Structures are given as C-alpha cells and as structure tokens.
Amino acid sequence: MESTISDGVAGDVATEAVAGEDVGAEESALAGVARHRASSGIARTRLAALAGSTPGWHARDALVVAGLEDRAATLAVHLTIAGKKRLELARALSAQPKLLLLDEVLSGLNPTEVERMIGIVRRIRDRGVTILIIEHLMQAIMSLSDRIVVLNYGKKLAEGSPADVARDPQVIEAYLGDPALAAKLHGNG
C-alpha cells in the first residue's frame, strides 16, 4: 500500500526507464522536475537544463545532495541498488519538496551503504525538508528523528521523542518479544 501512495504522490516514472528508454541519473532527476513543474515533457526540461535554467539547476543540486554528481551521465540500469535508491531520492528532491515520504529506503543496503544513506537523509532534513520515514532499522530512526510514532500490527503503540520511545516497555516488548526482559530493561524487574 505504501508504494501505491508514494507512486500517487511522486508520479509513476520508473528509475530505469522514461517512456521506454534507458536514462541516465541526470535525466531521471530531471524527470522529477518535469513531473513537479507539469511541463510538456522531459525533452523540454532537458533543454531548459542544458540552457542553465532553474529546473536543471535543481536536478543537478539533487544529484549532489544524493551523492550522484559523478554519475550524472550513467544509465540508471548500471547503478548499484544503493545508487538506484539515491537516484530515487534525487528525483524526489528535484521537485523541491517540503515533505519527503521515505518507505524503507534502507532496506537491502549493507552497513556502509546504510551509514551513507543516513548521512544523505540527515543532509536533506538539515535543509529544512520534513521527512516522514517508514523504516525498520532502529539505529536510523533513532539518529534521524525528532519525533517517533511506533506502530505494531497497524495500531499506534507509542509516540514521542527517540529517548522516550526507546524506554517505552510496550515498544521494547514488541521488538524483543519478552515482557520480562522489557521490564528489566525499563528498570521494573
């Protein structure tokens, strides 16, 4: 369901293809600008970018933020999984969102890639973009979040600061599965 929601919000341009053609990272980021600006297509936006207009600058800036500036001419199909995830971020950023929805952006990444992606998400947040992130890696959530809402089987279990949520016995029990251990960790047992 999250993918359907994000597709509806962000559009349905695939990372590896636009209108059936393999595209590079810059073109994919430009697709985000084209989608946001509701222009008459990527070709028009590409021409604007080549002329140095604002949409092209946003796409190039998004590639820099996502750490893909050195891969702007690389076809998306040749990027690693981590590279494709960063490209998805660049596409979203090229539209200059005020709110960015991230759905398990860290899944499938190795520890080094996770740390790099956390840094990228932190830079995006530090630029003033509000981020709503769905993620299972608690290290990421705890280091990136000002406020956390914990869901368990679709019901809100806890809400608060990272420190408050980390101490919540219901959260500990849900993630560790042991009420006695939860009580012990919380200091009640």
C-alpha atoms as a PDB file:
ATOM      1  CA  MET A   1       0.000   0.000   0.000  1.00  0.00           C
ATOM      2  CA  GLU A   2       2.826   2.441   0.797  1.00  0.00           C
ATOM      3  CA  SER A   3       4.142   2.055  -2.757  1.00  0.00           C
ATOM      4  CA  THR A   4       0.732   2.924  -4.182  1.00  0.00           C
ATOM      5  CA  ILE A   5       0.584   6.036  -2.013  1.00  0.00           C
ATOM      6  CA  SER A   6       4.101   7.148  -2.898  1.00  0.00           C
ATOM      7  CA  ASP A   7       3.506   6.431  -6.598  1.00  0.00           C
ATOM      8  CA  GLY A   8       0.443   8.632  -6.461  1.00  0.00           C
ATOM      9  CA  VAL A   9       2.284  11.430  -4.692  1.00  0.00           C
ATOM     10  CA  ALA A  10       5.552  11.245  -6.629  1.00  0.00           C
ATOM     11  CA  GLY A  11       4.300  10.100 -10.033  1.00  0.00           C
ATOM     12  CA  ASP A  12       4.968   6.880 -11.851  1.00  0.00           C
ATOM     13  CA  VAL A  13       8.222   7.498 -13.725  1.00  0.00           C
ATOM     14  CA  ALA A  14      10.401   4.408 -13.249  1.00  0.00           C
ATOM     15  CA  THR A  15      14.015   4.805 -12.156  1.00  0.00           C
ATOM     16  CA  GLU A  16      15.410   2.863 -15.076  1.00  0.00           C
ATOM     17  CA  ALA A  17      13.132   3.969 -17.858  1.00  0.00           C
ATOM     18  CA  VAL A  18      11.281   7.023 -19.004  1.00  0.00           C
ATOM     19  CA  ALA A  19       8.931   6.392 -21.914  1.00  0.00           C
ATOM     20  CA  GLY A  20      10.607   3.036 -22.532  1.00  0.00           C
ATOM     21  CA  GLU A  21      14.121   4.479 -22.846  1.00  0.00           C
ATOM     22  CA  ASP A  22      17.103   3.837 -20.602  1.00  0.00           C
ATOM     23  CA  VAL A  23      18.021   7.115 -18.995  1.00  0.00           C
ATOM     24  CA  GLY A  24      20.911   8.464 -17.004  1.00  0.00           C
ATOM     25  CA  ALA A  25      20.849   9.788 -13.479  1.00  0.00           C
ATOM     26  CA  GLU A  26      20.561  13.399 -14.610  1.00  0.00           C
ATOM     27  CA  GLU A  27      17.616  12.640 -16.893  1.00  0.00           C
ATOM     28  CA  SER A  28      15.903  10.733 -14.102  1.00  0.00           C
ATOM     29  CA  ALA A  29      16.362  13.660 -11.726  1.00  0.00           C
ATOM     30  CA  LEU A  30      15.086  15.953 -14.462  1.00  0.00           C
ATOM     31  CA  ALA A  31      12.036  13.702 -14.751  1.00  0.00           C
ATOM     32  CA  GLY A  32      11.266  14.664 -11.164  1.00  0.00           C
ATOM     33  CA  VAL A  33      11.442  18.336 -12.134  1.00  0.00           C
ATOM     34  CA  ALA A  34       9.274  17.739 -15.196  1.00  0.00           C
ATOM     35  CA  ARG A  35       6.693  15.890 -13.127  1.00  0.00           C
ATOM     36  CA  HIS A  36       6.679  18.640 -10.494  1.00  0.00           C
ATOM     37  CA  ARG A  37       6.532  21.509 -12.962  1.00  0.00           C
ATOM     38  CA  ALA A  38       3.891  19.754 -15.108  1.00  0.00           C
ATOM     39  CA  SER A  39       5.861  20.795 -18.159  1.00  0.00           C
ATOM     40  CA  SER A  40       5.234  19.277 -21.556  1.00  0.00           C
ATOM     41  CA  GLY A  41       7.829  16.572 -21.059  1.00  0.00           C
ATOM     42  CA  ILE A  42      11.348  15.571 -20.200  1.00  0.00           C
ATOM     43  CA  ALA A  43      12.730  16.799 -23.511  1.00  0.00           C
ATOM     44  CA  ARG A  44      11.596  20.338 -22.763  1.00  0.00           C
ATOM     45  CA  THR A  45      13.014  20.172 -19.231  1.00  0.00           C
ATOM     46  CA  ARG A  46      16.257  18.670 -20.562  1.00  0.00           C
ATOM     47  CA  LEU A  47      16.597  21.610 -22.965  1.00  0.00           C
ATOM     48  CA  ALA A  48      15.958  24.001 -20.073  1.00  0.00           C
ATOM     49  CA  ALA A  49      18.632  22.246 -18.029  1.00  0.00           C
ATOM     50  CA  LEU A  50      21.140  22.464 -20.825  1.00  0.00           C
ATOM     51  CA  ALA A  51      20.396  26.174 -21.115  1.00  0.00           C
ATOM     52  CA  GLY A  52      21.150  26.549 -17.391  1.00  0.00           C
ATOM     53  CA  SER A  53      17.617  27.380 -16.250  1.00  0.00           C
ATOM     54  CA  THR A  54      16.229  26.719 -12.797  1.00  0.00           C
ATOM     55  CA  PRO A  55      14.831  23.162 -13.329  1.00  0.00           C
ATOM     56  CA  GLY A  56      18.230  21.894 -14.479  1.00  0.00           C
ATOM     57  CA  TRP A  57      19.920  23.501 -11.509  1.00  0.00           C
ATOM     58  CA  HIS A  58      17.504  21.753  -9.135  1.00  0.00           C
ATOM     59  CA  ALA A  59      18.193  18.398 -10.793  1.00  0.00           C
ATOM     60  CA  ARG A  60      21.958  18.859 -10.585  1.00  0.00           C
ATOM     61  CA  ASP A  61      21.700  20.058  -6.979  1.00  0.00           C
ATOM     62  CA  ALA A  62      19.584  16.988  -6.148  1.00  0.00           C
ATOM     63  CA  LEU A  63      22.248  14.717  -7.657  1.00  0.00           C
ATOM     64  CA  VAL A  64      24.899  16.406  -5.488  1.00  0.00           C
ATOM     65  CA  VAL A  65      22.808  16.005  -2.322  1.00  0.00           C
ATOM     66  CA  ALA A  66      22.232  12.332  -3.188  1.00  0.00           C
ATOM     67  CA  GLY A  67      25.948  11.784  -3.861  1.00  0.00           C
ATOM     68  CA  LEU A  68      25.482  11.047  -7.558  1.00  0.00           C
ATOM     69  CA  GLU A  69      27.129  14.078  -9.165  1.00  0.00           C
ATOM     70  CA  ASP A  70      29.912  11.882 -10.544  1.00  0.00           C
ATOM     71  CA  ARG A  71      27.340   9.527 -12.098  1.00  0.00           C
ATOM     72  CA  ALA A  72      25.108  12.075 -13.855  1.00  0.00           C
ATOM     73  CA  ALA A  73      25.742  10.512 -17.269  1.00  0.00           C
ATOM     74  CA  THR A  74      25.500   6.900 -16.063  1.00  0.00           C
ATOM     75  CA  LEU A  75      22.461   4.943 -17.188  1.00  0.00           C
ATOM     76  CA  ALA A  76      20.290   4.149 -14.181  1.00  0.00           C
ATOM     77  CA  VAL A  77      20.331   0.454 -15.124  1.00  0.00           C
ATOM     78  CA  HIS A  78      24.080   0.440 -14.388  1.00  0.00           C
ATOM     79  CA  LEU A  79      23.751   1.815 -10.855  1.00  0.00           C
ATOM     80  CA  THR A  80      24.004  -0.414  -7.782  1.00  0.00           C
ATOM     81  CA  ILE A  81      20.961  -0.948  -5.558  1.00  0.00           C
ATOM     82  CA  ALA A  82      22.302   1.805  -3.278  1.00  0.00           C
ATOM     83  CA  GLY A  83      22.837   4.053  -6.300  1.00  0.00           C
ATOM     84  CA  LYS A  84      19.287   3.461  -7.517  1.00  0.00           C
ATOM     85  CA  LYS A  85      17.924   4.326  -4.068  1.00  0.00           C
ATOM     86  CA  ARG A  86      19.960   7.537  -4.055  1.00  0.00           C
ATOM     87  CA  LEU A  87      18.664   8.253  -7.563  1.00  0.00           C
ATOM     88  CA  GLU A  88      15.087   7.889  -6.310  1.00  0.00           C
ATOM     89  CA  LEU A  89      15.927  10.456  -3.625  1.00  0.00           C
ATOM     90  CA  ALA A  90      17.429  12.784  -6.243  1.00  0.00           C
ATOM     91  CA  ARG A  91      14.283  12.501  -8.379  1.00  0.00           C
ATOM     92  CA  ALA A  92      12.123  13.404  -5.398  1.00  0.00           C
ATOM     93  CA  LEU A  93      14.425  16.245  -4.318  1.00  0.00           C
ATOM     94  CA  SER A  94      14.475  17.781  -7.778  1.00  0.00           C
ATOM     95  CA  ALA A  95      10.865  18.822  -7.179  1.00  0.00           C
ATOM     96  CA  GLN A  96      11.976  20.756  -4.067  1.00  0.00           C
ATOM     97  CA  PRO A  97       9.505  19.102  -1.693  1.00  0.00           C
ATOM     98  CA  LYS A  98       8.633  20.486   1.716  1.00  0.00           C
ATOM     99  CA  LEU A  99       7.645  16.956   2.809  1.00  0.00           C
ATOM    100  CA  LEU A 100       9.505  13.832   1.699  1.00  0.00           C
ATOM    101  CA  LEU A 101       7.962  10.392   2.224  1.00  0.00           C
ATOM    102  CA  LEU A 102      10.547   7.599   2.520  1.00  0.00           C
ATOM    103  CA  ASP A 103       9.413   3.975   2.601  1.00  0.00           C
ATOM    104  CA  GLU A 104      12.143   1.597   3.788  1.00  0.00           C
ATOM    105  CA  VAL A 105      14.835   3.484   1.906  1.00  0.00           C
ATOM    106  CA  LEU A 106      17.495   1.497   3.809  1.00  0.00           C
ATOM    107  CA  SER A 107      16.238  -2.000   3.039  1.00  0.00           C
ATOM    108  CA  GLY A 108      18.667  -4.144   1.087  1.00  0.00           C
ATOM    109  CA  LEU A 109      21.668  -1.950   1.854  1.00  0.00           C
ATOM    110  CA  ASN A 110      24.850  -3.149   3.528  1.00  0.00           C
ATOM    111  CA  PRO A 111      26.066  -1.394   6.726  1.00  0.00           C
ATOM    112  CA  THR A 112      28.355   1.011   4.835  1.00  0.00           C
ATOM    113  CA  GLU A 113      25.558   1.960   2.431  1.00  0.00           C
ATOM    114  CA  VAL A 114      23.145   2.380   5.368  1.00  0.00           C
ATOM    115  CA  GLU A 115      25.516   4.859   7.030  1.00  0.00           C
ATOM    116  CA  ARG A 116      25.927   6.775   3.774  1.00  0.00           C
ATOM    117  CA  MET A 117      22.159   6.916   3.228  1.00  0.00           C
ATOM    118  CA  ILE A 118      21.589   8.070   6.828  1.00  0.00           C
ATOM    119  CA  GLY A 119      24.019  10.918   6.124  1.00  0.00           C
ATOM    120  CA  ILE A 120      22.137  11.847   2.957  1.00  0.00           C
ATOM    121  CA  VAL A 121      18.767  11.797   4.722  1.00  0.00           C
ATOM    122  CA  ARG A 122      20.245  13.906   7.532  1.00  0.00           C
ATOM    123  CA  ARG A 123      21.517  16.483   4.993  1.00  0.00           C
ATOM    124  CA  ILE A 124      18.058  16.602   3.410  1.00  0.00           C
ATOM    125  CA  ARG A 125      16.465  17.126   6.841  1.00  0.00           C
ATOM    126  CA  ASP A 126      19.034  19.812   7.686  1.00  0.00           C
ATOM    127  CA  ARG A 127      17.993  21.696   4.525  1.00  0.00           C
ATOM    128  CA  GLY A 128      14.547  22.131   6.066  1.00  0.00           C
ATOM    129  CA  VAL A 129      12.679  19.271   4.395  1.00  0.00           C
ATOM    130  CA  THR A 130      10.237  17.460   6.687  1.00  0.00           C
ATOM    131  CA  ILE A 131      10.734  13.715   6.383  1.00  0.00           C
ATOM    132  CA  LEU A 132       8.146  11.041   7.085  1.00  0.00           C
ATOM    133  CA  ILE A 133      10.074   7.777   7.113  1.00  0.00           C
ATOM    134  CA  ILE A 134       8.854   4.218   7.401  1.00  0.00           C
ATOM    135  CA  GLU A 135      11.821   2.133   8.472  1.00  0.00           C
ATOM    136  CA  HIS A 136      12.665  -0.991  10.441  1.00  0.00           C
ATOM    137  CA  LEU A 137      16.301  -0.141  11.215  1.00  0.00           C
ATOM    138  CA  MET A 138      16.075   1.388  14.645  1.00  0.00           C
ATOM    139  CA  GLN A 139      19.603   2.884  14.515  1.00  0.00           C
ATOM    140  CA  ALA A 140      18.472   5.015  11.604  1.00  0.00           C
ATOM    141  CA  ILE A 141      15.188   6.049  13.137  1.00  0.00           C
ATOM    142  CA  MET A 142      16.785   6.935  16.455  1.00  0.00           C
ATOM    143  CA  SER A 143      19.551   9.001  14.847  1.00  0.00           C
ATOM    144  CA  LEU A 144      17.360  10.847  12.326  1.00  0.00           C
ATOM    145  CA  SER A 145      14.122  11.501  14.179  1.00  0.00           C
ATOM    146  CA  ASP A 146      12.896  14.344  16.335  1.00  0.00           C
ATOM    147  CA  ARG A 147       9.617  12.525  16.919  1.00  0.00           C
ATOM    148  CA  ILE A 148       8.740   8.851  16.500  1.00  0.00           C
ATOM    149  CA  VAL A 149       5.435   7.029  16.171  1.00  0.00           C
ATOM    150  CA  VAL A 150       5.700   3.260  16.694  1.00  0.00           C
ATOM    151  CA  LEU A 151       3.109   1.033  15.058  1.00  0.00           C
ATOM    152  CA  ASN A 152       2.584  -2.600  15.934  1.00  0.00           C
ATOM    153  CA  TYR A 153       0.175  -4.551  13.715  1.00  0.00           C
ATOM    154  CA  GLY A 154      -1.293  -1.284  12.450  1.00  0.00           C
ATOM    155  CA  LYS A 155      -2.020   0.201  15.876  1.00  0.00           C
ATOM    156  CA  LYS A 156      -0.139   3.073  17.487  1.00  0.00           C
ATOM    157  CA  LEU A 157       1.974   1.669  20.286  1.00  0.00           C
ATOM    158  CA  ALA A 158       3.919   4.760  21.326  1.00  0.00           C
ATOM    159  CA  GLU A 159       4.714   8.306  20.293  1.00  0.00           C
ATOM    160  CA  GLY A 160       7.347  10.743  21.474  1.00  0.00           C
ATOM    161  CA  SER A 161      10.996  11.668  21.364  1.00  0.00           C
ATOM    162  CA  PRO A 162      13.512   8.951  20.433  1.00  0.00           C
ATOM    163  CA  ALA A 163      14.600   8.684  24.082  1.00  0.00           C
ATOM    164  CA  ASP A 164      11.015   8.345  25.340  1.00  0.00           C
ATOM    165  CA  VAL A 165      10.113   5.744  22.731  1.00  0.00           C
ATOM    166  CA  ALA A 166      13.304   3.747  23.397  1.00  0.00           C
ATOM    167  CA  ARG A 167      12.350   3.474  27.094  1.00  0.00           C
ATOM    168  CA  ASP A 168       8.719   2.522  26.484  1.00  0.00           C
ATOM    169  CA  PRO A 169       8.116  -1.023  27.827  1.00  0.00           C
ATOM    170  CA  GLN A 170       5.491  -1.765  25.163  1.00  0.00           C
ATOM    171  CA  VAL A 171       7.938  -0.837  22.410  1.00  0.00           C
ATOM    172  CA  ILE A 172      10.683  -2.939  23.982  1.00  0.00           C
ATOM    173  CA  GLU A 173       8.308  -5.881  24.346  1.00  0.00           C
ATOM    174  CA  ALA A 174       7.072  -5.556  20.754  1.00  0.00           C
ATOM    175  CA  TYR A 175      10.613  -5.539  19.394  1.00  0.00           C
ATOM    176  CA  LEU A 176      12.196  -8.013  21.829  1.00  0.00           C
ATOM    177  CA  GLY A 177       9.135 -10.186  22.389  1.00  0.00           C
ATOM    178  CA  ASP A 178       9.897 -10.801  26.060  1.00  0.00           C
ATOM    179  CA  PRO A 179       7.857  -8.941  28.709  1.00  0.00           C
ATOM    180  CA  ALA A 180      10.309  -9.889  31.485  1.00  0.00           C
ATOM    181  CA  LEU A 181      13.258  -8.541  29.507  1.00  0.00           C
ATOM    182  CA  ALA A 182      11.268  -5.407  28.711  1.00  0.00           C
ATOM    183  CA  ALA A 183      10.560  -4.874  32.429  1.00  0.00           C
ATOM    184  CA  LYS A 184      14.225  -5.493  33.292  1.00  0.00           C
ATOM    185  CA  LEU A 185      15.450  -3.040  30.651  1.00  0.00           C
ATOM    186  CA  HIS A 186      12.931  -0.478  31.842  1.00  0.00           C
ATOM    187  CA  GLY A 187      14.083  -0.937  35.436  1.00  0.00           C
ATOM    188  CA  ASN A 188      10.926  -2.588  36.738  1.00  0.00           C
ATOM    189  CA  GLY A 189      12.160  -6.096  37.130  1.00  0.00           C
END
